[in-house]
C-alpha atoms as a PDB file:
ATOM      1  CA  MET A   1     -22.643  -5.297  24.136  1.00  0.00           C
ATOM      2  CA  PRO A   2     -24.993  -3.402  21.835  1.00  0.00           C
ATOM      3  CA  LYS A   3     -22.528  -2.849  18.972  1.00  0.00           C
ATOM      4  CA  ARG A   4     -19.658  -4.805  17.528  1.00  0.00           C
ATOM      5  CA  LEU A   5     -16.253  -3.234  17.816  1.00  0.00           C
ATOM      6  CA  GLY A   6     -14.289  -2.163  14.778  1.00  0.00           C
ATOM      7  CA  ILE A   7     -11.195  -4.061  13.742  1.00  0.00           C
ATOM      8  CA  HIS A   8      -8.885  -1.404  15.178  1.00  0.00           C
ATOM      9  CA  GLU A   9     -10.743  -1.517  18.500  1.00  0.00           C
ATOM     10  CA  THR A  10     -10.476  -5.295  18.641  1.00  0.00           C
ATOM     11  CA  LEU A  11      -6.751  -5.030  17.943  1.00  0.00           C
ATOM     12  CA  GLU A  12      -6.465  -2.526  20.791  1.00  0.00           C
ATOM     13  CA  LEU A  13      -8.104  -5.051  23.124  1.00  0.00           C
ATOM     14  CA  HIS A  14      -5.581  -7.673  22.026  1.00  0.00           C
ATOM     15  CA  GLU A  15      -2.729  -5.228  22.647  1.00  0.00           C
ATOM     16  CA  LEU A  16      -4.074  -4.459  26.127  1.00  0.00           C
ATOM     17  CA  LEU A  17      -4.388  -8.181  26.835  1.00  0.00           C
ATOM     18  CA  THR A  18      -0.774  -8.752  25.795  1.00  0.00           C
ATOM     19  CA  PHE A  19       0.374  -5.828  27.954  1.00  0.00           C
ATOM     20  CA  LYS A  20      -1.568  -7.047  31.013  1.00  0.00           C
ATOM     21  CA  ASN A  21      -0.126 -10.554  30.586  1.00  0.00           C
ATOM     22  CA  THR A  22       3.372  -9.064  30.545  1.00  0.00           C
ATOM     23  CA  CYS A  23       2.595  -6.987  33.657  1.00  0.00           C
ATOM     24  CA  LEU A  24       1.222 -10.059  35.418  1.00  0.00           C
ATOM     25  CA  THR A  25       4.324 -12.099  34.619  1.00  0.00           C
ATOM     26  CA  LYS A  26       6.657  -9.340  35.806  1.00  0.00           C
ATOM     27  CA  SER A  27       4.749  -8.641  39.036  1.00  0.00           C
ATOM     28  CA  ALA A  28       4.556 -12.346  39.863  1.00  0.00           C
ATOM     29  CA  ALA A  29       8.297 -12.772  39.313  1.00  0.00           C
ATOM     30  CA  MET A  30       9.206  -9.633  41.247  1.00  0.00           C
ATOM     31  CA  SER A  31       6.956 -10.530  44.190  1.00  0.00           C
ATOM     32  CA  ASN A  32       9.053 -13.662  44.709  1.00  0.00           C
ATOM     33  CA  LEU A  33      12.232 -11.570  44.761  1.00  0.00           C
ATOM     34  CA  ALA A  34      11.002  -8.651  46.895  1.00  0.00           C
ATOM     35  CA  SER A  35      12.337  -8.562  50.436  1.00  0.00           C
ATOM     36  CA  ASP A  36      10.354  -5.499  51.570  1.00  0.00           C
ATOM     37  CA  ALA A  37       6.958  -6.560  52.951  1.00  0.00           C
ATOM     38  CA  ALA A  38       5.130  -3.451  51.718  1.00  0.00           C
ATOM     39  CA  LEU A  39       6.505  -3.864  48.199  1.00  0.00           C
ATOM     40  CA  LYS A  40       5.633  -7.560  48.217  1.00  0.00           C
ATOM     41  CA  ASP A  41       2.037  -6.708  49.227  1.00  0.00           C
ATOM     42  CA  ILE A  42       1.754  -4.170  46.389  1.00  0.00           C
ATOM     43  CA  LEU A  43       3.039  -6.715  43.884  1.00  0.00           C
ATOM     44  CA  VAL A  44       0.669  -9.425  45.145  1.00  0.00           C
ATOM     45  CA  GLN A  45      -2.256  -6.996  44.844  1.00  0.00           C
ATOM     46  CA  ASP A  46      -1.119  -6.122  41.322  1.00  0.00           C
ATOM     47  CA  VAL A  47      -1.047  -9.818  40.389  1.00  0.00           C
ATOM     48  CA  SER A  48      -4.608 -10.241  41.651  1.00  0.00           C
ATOM     49  CA  GLN A  49      -5.858  -7.131  39.838  1.00  0.00           C
ATOM     50  CA  SER A  50      -4.064  -8.115  36.636  1.00  0.00           C
ATOM     51  CA  GLU A  51      -5.739 -11.539  36.698  1.00  0.00           C
ATOM     52  CA  GLN A  52      -9.136  -9.843  36.970  1.00  0.00           C
ATOM     53  CA  ASP A  53      -8.281  -7.390  34.184  1.00  0.00           C
ATOM     54  CA  ILE A  54      -7.127 -10.220  31.916  1.00  0.00           C
ATOM     55  CA  GLN A  55     -10.373 -12.102  32.490  1.00  0.00           C
ATOM     56  CA  THR A  56     -12.381  -8.975  31.664  1.00  0.00           C
ATOM     57  CA  LEU A  57     -10.424  -8.380  28.463  1.00  0.00           C
ATOM     58  CA  GLN A  58     -10.785 -12.031  27.440  1.00  0.00           C
ATOM     59  CA  ASN A  59     -14.535 -11.804  27.985  1.00  0.00           C
ATOM     60  CA  LEU A  60     -14.787  -8.645  25.880  1.00  0.00           C
ATOM     61  CA  ILE A  61     -12.811 -10.250  23.074  1.00  0.00           C
ATOM     62  CA  SER A  62     -14.834 -13.459  23.193  1.00  0.00           C
ATOM     63  CA  GLN A  63     -18.112 -11.512  23.102  1.00  0.00           C
ATOM     64  CA  GLN A  64     -16.911  -9.851  19.923  1.00  0.00           C
ATOM     65  CA  GLN A  65     -16.074 -13.234  18.427  1.00  0.00           C
ATOM     66  CA  GLY A  66     -19.366 -14.754  19.557  1.00  0.00           C
ATOM     67  CA  GLU A  67     -17.792 -17.364  21.797  1.00  0.00           C
ATOM     68  CA  THR A  68     -17.003 -17.786  25.486  1.00  0.00           C
ATOM     69  CA  ILE A  69     -13.575 -18.406  26.983  1.00  0.00           C
ATOM     70  CA  HIS A  70     -13.647 -21.107  29.662  1.00  0.00           C
ATOM     71  CA  GLU A  71     -10.914 -21.805  32.192  1.00  0.00           C
END
């Protein structure tokens, strides 16, 4: 990243990360309850995409803090 983000931009990233974590939790819970196969597939895809989005956001935040997040 060529420039450091401002404080408000970093806070926005944290807000997005919190939102995506909430979405991930809800989709994972609902996929276990869904009886319709098509809906279950959509929810499973959403879980997978949310995990990728969370990793991307964590990487952006860690780059701003000058550290790397390891799993």
